[in-house]
Protein backbone atom coordinates (compact mmCIF):
# COMPACT_ATOMS: atom_id res chain seq x y z
CA MET A 1 35.91 15.06 -4.37
CA GLN A 2 34.00 12.18 -4.04
CA SER A 3 34.34 9.69 -6.49
CA TYR A 4 30.41 9.57 -7.26
CA LYS A 5 30.50 12.48 -8.41
CA LEU A 6 26.93 12.51 -10.47
CA VAL A 7 25.24 11.51 -7.17
CA ALA A 8 27.10 14.02 -4.51
CA ARG A 9 24.48 16.67 -3.53
CA GLN A 10 27.55 19.64 -3.75
CA THR A 11 28.23 18.57 -7.18
CA ASN A 12 24.18 18.73 -8.09
CA VAL A 13 24.02 21.18 -10.56
CA ILE A 14 20.72 22.45 -9.08
CA LYS A 15 22.24 22.18 -5.44
CA ASN A 16 18.90 20.77 -4.00
CA ALA A 17 17.25 17.56 -3.35
CA SER A 18 16.18 15.45 -6.69
CA GLU A 19 12.84 14.55 -6.99
CA VAL A 20 12.10 11.21 -9.63
CA THR A 21 9.34 11.19 -11.71
CA VAL A 22 7.78 7.33 -11.82
CA THR A 23 5.07 8.68 -13.99
CA ASP A 24 3.22 11.93 -14.40
CA ASP A 25 1.01 11.10 -11.11
CA CYS A 26 3.61 9.51 -9.15
CA VAL A 27 7.22 11.78 -7.74
CA ILE A 28 9.14 10.39 -5.44
CA GLY A 29 11.20 13.15 -3.28
CA GLY A 30 9.88 16.54 -2.33
CA ARG A 31 7.28 16.98 0.54
CA SER A 32 5.12 14.25 -0.14
CA LEU A 33 5.78 10.58 1.24
CA VAL A 34 5.24 7.80 -1.19
CA VAL A 35 4.47 4.30 0.10
CA ILE A 36 4.99 1.11 -2.30
CA ALA A 37 2.93 -1.76 -0.93
CA GLY A 38 1.93 -5.36 -1.96
CA PRO A 39 2.72 -9.04 -2.07
CA CYS A 40 6.91 -9.81 -1.90
CA ALA A 41 5.71 -12.19 -4.75
CA VAL A 42 3.02 -12.40 -6.96
CA GLU A 43 1.30 -15.90 -6.49
CA GLY A 44 -1.94 -15.39 -8.58
CA LYS A 45 -4.09 -13.06 -10.17
CA ALA A 46 -6.85 -12.74 -7.64
CA MET A 47 -4.65 -12.18 -4.64
CA LEU A 48 -2.80 -9.45 -6.25
CA LEU A 49 -5.86 -7.72 -7.55
CA GLU A 50 -7.05 -8.11 -3.71
CA THR A 51 -3.85 -6.83 -2.74
CA ALA A 52 -3.73 -3.93 -4.96
CA ARG A 53 -7.01 -2.81 -4.40
CA ALA A 54 -6.46 -2.75 -0.60
CA VAL A 55 -2.97 -1.01 -0.54
CA LYS A 56 -4.48 1.79 -2.42
CA ALA A 57 -7.50 1.75 -0.50
CA ALA A 58 -5.64 2.45 2.21
CA GLY A 59 -3.22 5.04 0.69
CA ALA A 60 -0.40 3.33 -1.30
CA SER A 61 0.42 5.38 -4.45
CA MET A 62 2.68 2.31 -6.09
CA LEU A 63 2.08 -1.48 -6.04
CA ARG A 64 5.18 -3.83 -5.58
CA GLY A 65 5.36 -7.38 -6.19
CA GLY A 66 8.08 -9.71 -7.50
CA ALA A 67 7.86 -11.58 -10.53
CA PHE A 68 11.51 -13.04 -10.56
CA LYS A 69 12.50 -14.12 -6.90
CA PRO A 70 16.31 -14.39 -5.81
CA ARG A 71 16.26 -17.08 -3.29
CA THR A 72 19.19 -17.92 -1.09
CA SER A 73 17.89 -21.64 -1.48
CA PRO A 74 17.37 -23.06 -5.17
CA TYR A 75 14.39 -25.01 -4.04
CA ALA A 76 12.51 -22.16 -3.16
CA PHE A 77 9.51 -20.55 -5.05
CA GLN A 78 11.37 -18.19 -7.92
CA GLY A 79 8.25 -16.43 -9.16
CA LEU A 80 6.21 -16.62 -12.03
CA GLY A 81 8.28 -14.91 -14.48
CA GLU A 82 6.62 -12.58 -17.22
CA GLN A 83 3.28 -14.51 -16.20
CA ALA A 84 3.36 -12.27 -12.61
CA LEU A 85 4.29 -9.21 -14.93
CA GLU A 86 1.35 -9.51 -16.93
CA MET A 87 -0.84 -9.45 -13.54
CA LEU A 88 1.11 -6.49 -12.47
CA ALA A 89 0.24 -4.48 -15.47
CA GLU A 90 -3.01 -6.02 -15.54
CA ALA A 91 -3.04 -4.32 -11.53
CA ARG A 92 -1.86 -1.28 -12.88
CA ALA A 93 -4.72 -0.97 -15.67
CA GLU A 94 -7.25 -1.51 -12.91
CA THR A 95 -6.49 0.24 -10.26
CA GLY A 96 -4.07 3.12 -11.53
CA LEU A 97 -1.16 2.56 -8.98
CA PRO A 98 2.18 2.31 -10.72
CA VAL A 99 4.11 -0.90 -10.43
CA ALA A 100 7.58 -1.69 -8.90
CA THR A 101 9.29 -5.04 -9.12
CA GLU A 102 13.02 -6.75 -9.04
CA VAL A 103 14.96 -7.21 -12.37
CA MET A 104 17.65 -9.36 -11.72
CA ASP A 105 19.80 -10.14 -14.73
CA THR A 106 20.78 -7.93 -17.64
CA ARG A 107 18.92 -10.57 -19.59
CA GLN A 108 15.54 -9.53 -17.95
CA VAL A 109 15.93 -5.71 -17.93
CA GLU A 110 13.93 -5.26 -21.65
CA LEU A 111 11.42 -7.50 -20.73
CA VAL A 112 10.56 -6.21 -17.09
CA SER A 113 11.06 -2.64 -18.97
CA GLN A 114 8.07 -3.06 -20.66
CA TYR A 115 5.99 -4.05 -17.81
CA SER A 116 7.63 -2.27 -14.78
CA ASP A 117 7.65 1.32 -13.98
CA LEU A 118 10.42 1.23 -11.60
CA LEU A 119 13.19 -0.89 -11.97
CA GLN A 120 14.60 -2.70 -8.50
CA VAL A 121 17.94 -3.59 -8.12
CA GLY A 122 17.87 -5.76 -5.29
CA ALA A 123 20.22 -5.94 -2.36
CA ARG A 124 21.67 -8.82 -3.69
CA ASN A 125 22.63 -7.56 -7.21
CA MET A 126 23.50 -3.96 -5.62
CA GLN A 127 27.29 -4.50 -6.82
CA ASN A 128 26.05 -6.31 -10.00
CA PHE A 129 27.70 -3.62 -11.81
CA ALA A 130 26.90 -4.98 -15.70
CA LEU A 131 23.40 -4.83 -13.89
CA LEU A 132 23.23 -1.47 -12.87
CA ALA A 133 24.66 -0.54 -16.35
CA GLU A 134 22.15 -2.01 -18.06
CA VAL A 135 19.38 -0.55 -16.07
CA GLY A 136 20.85 3.13 -16.44
CA ARG A 137 21.04 2.41 -20.37
CA SER A 138 17.12 1.35 -20.08
CA GLY A 139 16.07 4.95 -18.77
CA LYS A 140 13.47 3.67 -16.36
CA PRO A 141 13.38 4.84 -12.93
CA VAL A 142 15.42 2.75 -11.08
CA LEU A 143 15.10 1.78 -7.13
CA LEU A 144 18.44 0.64 -5.89
CA LYS A 145 18.26 -1.43 -2.62
CA ARG A 146 21.83 -1.03 -0.04
CA GLY A 147 23.51 -4.43 -0.05
CA LEU A 148 23.55 -6.30 3.00
CA SER A 149 26.85 -5.55 4.11
CA ALA A 150 27.27 -2.91 1.69
CA THR A 151 28.70 0.56 3.28
CA ILE A 152 26.93 3.76 2.46
CA ASN A 153 29.93 4.96 0.24
CA ASP A 154 29.53 1.53 -1.53
CA LEU A 155 25.68 2.31 -2.03
CA LEU A 156 26.56 6.13 -3.79
CA LEU A 157 28.85 4.02 -5.91
CA ALA A 158 26.47 1.86 -7.06
CA ALA A 159 24.36 4.37 -7.61
CA GLU A 160 26.87 6.52 -9.68
CA TYR A 161 27.11 2.86 -11.88
CA VAL A 162 23.71 3.83 -13.03
CA MET A 163 23.79 7.63 -13.27
CA ALA A 164 26.90 7.53 -15.41
CA GLN A 165 24.88 5.71 -18.31
CA GLY A 166 22.62 9.03 -18.49
CA ASN A 167 19.89 7.75 -16.47
CA PRO A 168 19.23 10.42 -13.46
CA ARG A 169 16.65 8.73 -11.83
CA VAL A 170 17.72 6.66 -9.10
CA VAL A 171 15.53 6.31 -5.57
CA LEU A 172 18.28 4.93 -2.90
CA CYS A 173 16.48 2.11 -0.51
CA GLU A 174 17.56 1.30 3.17
CA ARG A 175 16.49 -2.20 3.88
CA GLY A 176 18.85 -3.19 6.86
CA ILE A 177 21.99 -4.75 6.89
CA ARG A 178 23.66 -7.63 8.09
CA THR A 179 25.12 -7.38 12.18
CA PHE A 180 25.38 -9.84 14.88
CA GLU A 181 21.70 -9.06 15.93
CA THR A 182 19.36 -11.99 15.29
CA ALA A 183 16.39 -10.62 16.85
CA THR A 184 15.51 -9.22 13.21
CA ARG A 185 16.07 -10.08 10.02
CA ASN A 186 18.53 -7.67 9.72
CA THR A 187 19.29 -4.47 11.84
CA LEU A 188 17.84 -0.96 9.97
CA ASP A 189 20.38 1.63 10.00
CA LEU A 190 18.45 4.45 10.81
CA SER A 191 21.52 6.90 10.77
CA ALA A 192 22.02 6.21 6.88
CA VAL A 193 19.01 8.17 6.18
CA PRO A 194 20.02 11.67 7.48
CA VAL A 195 23.63 10.69 6.44
CA LEU A 196 22.14 10.05 3.00
CA LYS A 197 20.53 13.21 2.65
CA SER A 198 23.73 14.68 3.52
CA GLU A 199 25.85 13.24 0.86
CA THR A 200 23.19 12.87 -1.90
CA HIS A 201 20.77 14.87 -4.11
CA LEU A 202 18.73 11.65 -4.85
CA PRO A 203 15.55 10.70 -2.73
CA VAL A 204 16.24 7.93 0.01
CA ILE A 205 13.17 5.21 1.10
CA VAL A 206 13.04 2.93 3.58
CA ASP A 207 11.84 -0.97 3.66
CA PRO A 208 11.30 -1.83 7.20
CA SER A 209 9.66 -4.98 5.71
CA HIS A 210 13.27 -6.70 5.15
CA ALA A 211 14.92 -4.82 7.90
CA ALA A 212 12.87 -6.48 10.54
CA GLY A 213 11.92 -9.66 9.14
CA ARG A 214 8.67 -10.02 11.58
CA ALA A 215 5.49 -7.94 10.92
CA ASP A 216 5.04 -6.72 14.42
CA ILE A 217 7.36 -4.07 14.16
CA ILE A 218 6.82 -2.71 10.90
CA GLY A 219 4.95 -0.19 12.02
CA PRO A 220 7.11 1.44 14.38
CA LEU A 221 10.40 1.29 11.96
CA ALA A 222 8.34 2.89 9.46
CA CYS A 223 7.46 5.75 11.60
CA ALA A 224 11.04 6.16 12.74
CA ALA A 225 11.89 6.39 8.94
CA VAL A 226 9.63 9.02 8.96
CA ALA A 227 11.11 11.05 11.53
CA VAL A 228 14.67 11.06 10.38
CA GLY A 229 13.34 12.12 6.60
CA ALA A 230 12.85 9.29 4.61
CA ASP A 231 10.92 10.14 1.35
CA GLY A 232 8.85 7.08 1.46
CA LEU A 233 8.30 3.64 2.24
CA ILE A 234 8.50 0.19 0.65
CA ILE A 235 6.23 -2.39 2.73
CA GLU A 236 5.03 -6.13 2.16
CA VAL A 237 1.69 -6.58 2.23
CA HIS A 238 -0.05 -9.82 1.40
CA PRO A 239 -4.02 -11.21 2.06
CA ASP A 240 -2.91 -14.27 4.53
CA PRO A 241 0.85 -13.88 5.23
CA SER A 242 0.51 -17.58 6.65
CA THR A 243 0.00 -18.86 3.12
CA ALA A 244 2.56 -17.01 1.40
CA LYS A 245 5.28 -18.33 -1.00
CA SER A 246 7.76 -15.80 0.35
CA ASP A 247 8.32 -13.90 3.40
CA GLY A 248 4.96 -14.65 5.14
CA PRO A 249 6.63 -13.16 9.00
CA GLN A 250 7.49 -10.28 7.49
CA SER A 251 4.02 -9.51 5.54
CA LEU A 252 1.20 -7.16 7.23
CA THR A 253 -2.28 -8.51 6.98
CA ILE A 254 -4.37 -6.22 4.60
CA PRO A 255 -5.60 -4.50 8.05
CA ALA A 256 -2.78 -4.61 9.68
CA PHE A 257 -1.31 -2.00 6.94
CA GLU A 258 -4.58 0.12 6.89
CA ARG A 259 -3.42 0.78 10.64
CA VAL A 260 0.29 1.55 9.63
CA MET A 261 -1.17 3.77 7.14
CA GLU A 262 -3.26 5.73 9.88
CA THR A 263 -0.10 5.93 12.14
CA ILE A 264 2.76 6.57 9.73
CA ARG A 265 0.15 9.96 8.38
CA ARG A 266 0.15 11.58 12.00
CA TYR A 267 4.44 11.15 12.05
CA ALA A 268 4.25 12.56 8.43
CA LEU A 269 2.54 15.52 9.82
CA ALA A 270 4.81 16.28 12.75
CA ALA A 271 7.57 15.87 9.85
CA GLU A 272 5.85 18.51 8.27
CA ARG A 273 5.42 16.00 5.23
CA ASP A 274 2.20 14.82 3.35
CA VAL A 275 1.02 11.41 2.24
CA ARG A 276 0.97 10.82 -1.88
CA GLU A 277 -1.56 8.85 -2.79
CA GLN A 278 -3.44 7.52 -5.90
CA SER A 279 -6.98 8.63 -6.08
CA HIS A 280 -10.01 6.51 -8.32
CA GLY A 281 -8.57 7.67 -11.68
CA THR A 282 -5.22 8.01 -12.52
CA SER A 283 -4.60 11.14 -11.35
CA GLU A 284 -3.19 11.82 -7.00
CA ARG A 285 -4.49 13.30 -4.23
CA VAL A 286 -2.39 14.61 -1.54
CA LEU A 287 -3.38 13.87 2.17
CA GLY A 288 -2.34 17.25 4.24
CA ALA A 289 -3.16 18.87 7.38
CA ASN A 290 -6.65 19.61 6.46
CA ARG A 291 -7.56 16.37 5.79
CA TRP A 292 -5.91 14.70 9.12
CA SER A 293 -9.34 14.81 11.12
CA GLU A 294 -11.10 12.74 8.58
CA ALA A 295 -8.09 10.66 7.78
CA VAL A 296 -6.84 9.24 11.14
CA PRO A 297 -9.42 8.75 14.20
CA ALA A 298 -8.34 10.64 16.99
């Protein structure tokens, strides 16, 4: 028996893949791919609303944006805090997109839970066990990112910490691991996706932005993630990456994101998946095979 009993596929009562309900209109897992898109950090109301409207129009089903930013340097931009959370809530109210944002500290969980639909635990905090237990007690859906040097077993045990608090709504995220290679920010471990799928019933998404560290290869990595069975993607998008206060080199422009989404749809169709996106209200629509001819140029 594995030490991650709640997370393990063979000990799951239904013996099938789980679907994590973020909102009534947004479910991660199953046939449909979920694309979470937005800026690394919320820098202001105007840029956030511009990005939210654009990623929704391109087919994203959730909005991401950092309010509290874990930075390597203490002098780097640390995020706007609660002010950013308020902007994310306003963007959600206008677009209907559920919001995902990172929580860094046990003292932030209650505050962030008031604004966010999906609590993100970042790579640096994957083994912050007090934080994992606290987000587990919150009852909110949790997006758990793999640590920079964490094994797959480490990731699964981290998810077990959340589920042990009675919270079954956990989504795993492969975001690249640290290796000797310097051509990319991290090395995207695509093999982790099918391995995780065999070990756990939890949904698995991929973050090609943090894996690449450069915008020009995000598209190919995103398509590769779909091909190996990812349930979704989380992609950084900024109206003007050259002025971004955080992760500009790995952020897609809005036109680039639109092109990547068009390509993702083709790969999703080949993988017998479809792309779940929000419609103009709060309900969602699914782009399936009967819509590819109009959604994707020949």
